[in-house]
Amino acid sequence: MNAPVSLDSIVLAEMLWAAFKAMFTVTAILFVMLGLGISASPKLLAAWLVLLGAGITFSCIALVFNALAQGYDFFTYYFTLFLTPMMFLSGVFFPRDQLPGPLRAVSDWLPLTNAVELVRPMFMDQWPAHPLRGAVVLAAYAVVSFWVALALTRKRFRG
């Protein structure tokens, strides 16, 4: 806190670091896909940009948990109560058509669901059915969670 950098800048830098760290992983996975011939679609470049947006979104959400954490063990809540259920509800592993109506309605608004629905068709050389909706949901999660994380971090360092 003695550096001539504002707390807001530090939170922004932390978010960007996490997002770009995710991009390194995404880039490696895309190269493996290309190398193994899983997909050679030129739409992978667009998917790369969508995944950058998803990395920003999830880094902003993680910053909220970071601001709330009282200790290292608190982060297990993020994985156990947030990420794991979202993976099962988002269509990553199982088709969402099999979900009961109320769960599917909740799933429609999860950030991972929208990221999957944007990226999966691009891997198969198609365009997503509802790209604007998915992009807006991811952007809304990113903006809201970033501002919540910023407010919580300010409060934590004030008191």
Protein backbone atom coordinates (compact mmCIF):
# COMPACT_ATOMS: atom_id res chain seq x y z
CA MET A 1 0.00 0.00 0.00
CA ASN A 2 3.09 2.29 0.12
CA ALA A 3 3.61 2.12 -3.65
CA PRO A 4 2.41 5.09 -5.70
CA VAL A 5 -0.35 2.91 -7.18
CA SER A 6 -4.01 3.10 -6.27
CA LEU A 7 -5.89 0.14 -4.84
CA ASP A 8 -8.20 0.24 -7.87
CA SER A 9 -5.19 -0.18 -10.17
CA ILE A 10 -3.96 -3.13 -8.13
CA VAL A 11 -7.35 -4.85 -8.35
CA LEU A 12 -7.49 -4.18 -12.11
CA ALA A 13 -3.96 -5.54 -12.55
CA GLU A 14 -4.83 -8.66 -10.55
CA MET A 15 -7.89 -9.23 -12.74
CA LEU A 16 -5.87 -8.78 -15.94
CA TRP A 17 -3.10 -11.07 -14.67
CA ALA A 18 -5.62 -13.85 -13.94
CA ALA A 19 -7.32 -13.34 -17.32
CA PHE A 20 -4.05 -13.46 -19.25
CA LYS A 21 -2.90 -16.46 -17.26
CA ALA A 22 -6.09 -18.18 -18.43
CA MET A 23 -5.24 -17.13 -21.99
CA PHE A 24 -1.87 -18.87 -21.83
CA THR A 25 -3.68 -22.09 -20.96
CA VAL A 26 -6.35 -21.56 -23.63
CA THR A 27 -3.69 -20.87 -26.25
CA ALA A 28 -1.85 -24.07 -25.36
CA ILE A 29 -5.08 -26.08 -25.58
CA LEU A 30 -5.94 -24.56 -28.97
CA PHE A 31 -2.46 -25.46 -30.27
CA VAL A 32 -2.94 -29.03 -29.05
CA MET A 33 -6.32 -29.15 -30.82
CA LEU A 34 -4.69 -27.90 -34.02
CA GLY A 35 -1.75 -30.29 -33.65
CA LEU A 36 -3.98 -33.31 -33.12
CA GLY A 37 -6.34 -32.30 -35.91
CA ILE A 38 -9.33 -32.07 -33.56
CA SER A 39 -10.32 -28.77 -35.13
CA ALA A 40 -8.68 -26.61 -37.75
CA SER A 41 -11.48 -24.11 -38.10
CA PRO A 42 -10.53 -20.48 -38.69
CA LYS A 43 -13.31 -19.75 -36.19
CA LEU A 44 -10.85 -20.80 -33.47
CA LEU A 45 -9.51 -17.23 -33.60
CA ALA A 46 -12.97 -15.95 -32.68
CA ALA A 47 -13.20 -18.65 -30.01
CA TRP A 48 -9.88 -17.42 -28.62
CA LEU A 49 -11.38 -13.93 -28.20
CA VAL A 50 -14.50 -15.35 -26.53
CA LEU A 51 -12.29 -17.33 -24.17
CA LEU A 52 -10.39 -14.15 -23.34
CA GLY A 53 -13.74 -12.65 -22.33
CA ALA A 54 -14.53 -15.74 -20.27
CA GLY A 55 -11.12 -15.48 -18.59
CA ILE A 56 -11.84 -11.86 -17.67
CA THR A 57 -15.29 -12.82 -16.38
CA PHE A 58 -14.06 -15.62 -14.16
CA SER A 59 -11.11 -13.60 -12.89
CA CYS A 60 -13.55 -10.85 -11.82
CA ILE A 61 -15.75 -13.40 -10.04
CA ALA A 62 -12.69 -14.87 -8.33
CA LEU A 63 -11.74 -11.40 -7.09
CA VAL A 64 -15.04 -11.21 -5.20
CA PHE A 65 -14.14 -14.41 -3.35
CA ASN A 66 -10.62 -13.08 -2.86
CA ALA A 67 -12.00 -9.94 -1.19
CA LEU A 68 -14.25 -12.03 1.08
CA ALA A 69 -11.64 -14.64 2.02
CA GLN A 70 -10.60 -14.73 5.66
CA GLY A 71 -8.00 -17.40 4.96
CA TYR A 72 -6.74 -19.85 2.38
CA ASP A 73 -9.41 -22.45 3.21
CA PHE A 74 -12.14 -20.01 2.17
CA PHE A 75 -11.25 -20.61 -1.50
CA THR A 76 -12.57 -24.16 -1.26
CA TYR A 77 -16.03 -22.57 -1.07
CA TYR A 78 -15.43 -20.96 -4.47
CA PHE A 79 -14.64 -24.30 -6.05
CA THR A 80 -17.08 -26.46 -4.09
CA LEU A 81 -20.12 -24.20 -3.97
CA PHE A 82 -19.70 -22.20 -7.18
CA LEU A 83 -17.48 -23.70 -9.87
CA THR A 84 -18.25 -27.40 -9.48
CA PRO A 85 -22.07 -27.09 -9.60
CA MET A 86 -21.74 -24.65 -12.48
CA MET A 87 -19.68 -27.16 -14.46
CA PHE A 88 -22.38 -29.80 -14.06
CA LEU A 89 -25.19 -27.41 -14.97
CA SER A 90 -23.51 -25.64 -17.88
CA GLY A 91 -23.37 -28.39 -20.46
CA VAL A 92 -19.63 -28.97 -20.24
CA PHE A 93 -19.99 -32.66 -19.41
CA PHE A 94 -23.66 -33.49 -20.03
CA PRO A 95 -26.28 -32.09 -22.42
CA ARG A 96 -28.41 -29.42 -20.78
CA ASP A 97 -31.58 -30.79 -22.45
CA GLN A 98 -31.63 -33.50 -19.77
CA LEU A 99 -31.90 -30.97 -16.93
CA PRO A 100 -35.28 -30.37 -15.27
CA GLY A 101 -36.95 -27.12 -16.35
CA PRO A 102 -36.12 -25.02 -13.26
CA LEU A 103 -32.46 -26.09 -13.28
CA ARG A 104 -32.19 -25.35 -16.97
CA ALA A 105 -33.68 -21.88 -16.40
CA VAL A 106 -30.99 -21.22 -13.79
CA SER A 107 -28.35 -22.72 -16.05
CA ASP A 108 -29.29 -20.36 -18.89
CA TRP A 109 -27.88 -17.45 -16.90
CA LEU A 110 -24.64 -19.00 -15.66
CA PRO A 111 -21.46 -17.53 -17.13
CA LEU A 112 -19.94 -20.91 -17.97
CA THR A 113 -23.09 -21.98 -19.84
CA ASN A 114 -22.88 -18.91 -22.02
CA ALA A 115 -19.15 -19.37 -22.62
CA VAL A 116 -19.71 -23.01 -23.62
CA GLU A 117 -22.59 -22.09 -25.94
CA LEU A 118 -20.42 -19.47 -27.62
CA VAL A 119 -17.27 -21.55 -28.01
CA ARG A 120 -18.45 -25.11 -28.66
CA PRO A 121 -19.97 -24.39 -32.11
CA MET A 122 -16.79 -22.57 -33.17
CA PHE A 123 -14.76 -25.69 -32.45
CA MET A 124 -17.01 -27.48 -34.95
CA ASP A 125 -16.65 -24.73 -37.59
CA GLN A 126 -20.08 -23.21 -36.92
CA TRP A 127 -21.25 -19.92 -35.48
CA PRO A 128 -23.12 -19.84 -32.16
CA ALA A 129 -26.92 -19.64 -32.30
CA HIS A 130 -27.22 -16.65 -29.93
CA PRO A 131 -23.84 -14.88 -29.81
CA LEU A 132 -25.12 -11.52 -28.58
CA ARG A 133 -26.98 -13.00 -25.61
CA GLY A 134 -23.95 -15.01 -24.48
CA ALA A 135 -21.58 -12.06 -24.86
CA VAL A 136 -23.92 -9.77 -22.92
CA VAL A 137 -24.27 -12.28 -20.07
CA LEU A 138 -20.48 -12.73 -19.82
CA ALA A 139 -19.92 -8.97 -19.95
CA ALA A 140 -22.59 -8.34 -17.31
CA TYR A 141 -21.02 -10.89 -14.95
CA ALA A 142 -17.58 -9.36 -15.53
CA VAL A 143 -18.66 -5.76 -14.93
CA VAL A 144 -20.87 -6.44 -11.92
CA SER A 145 -18.41 -8.80 -10.23
CA PHE A 146 -15.47 -6.46 -10.88
CA TRP A 147 -17.28 -3.55 -9.22
CA VAL A 148 -18.40 -5.74 -6.32
CA ALA A 149 -14.82 -6.99 -5.88
CA LEU A 150 -13.53 -3.44 -6.01
CA ALA A 151 -16.03 -2.27 -3.38
CA LEU A 152 -15.29 -5.24 -1.10
CA THR A 153 -11.53 -4.78 -1.47
CA ARG A 154 -11.79 -1.06 -0.66
CA LYS A 155 -13.89 -1.89 2.40
CA ARG A 156 -11.42 -4.54 3.53
CA PHE A 157 -8.44 -2.19 3.32
CA ARG A 158 -10.34 0.66 4.96
CA GLY A 159 -11.32 -1.29 8.05
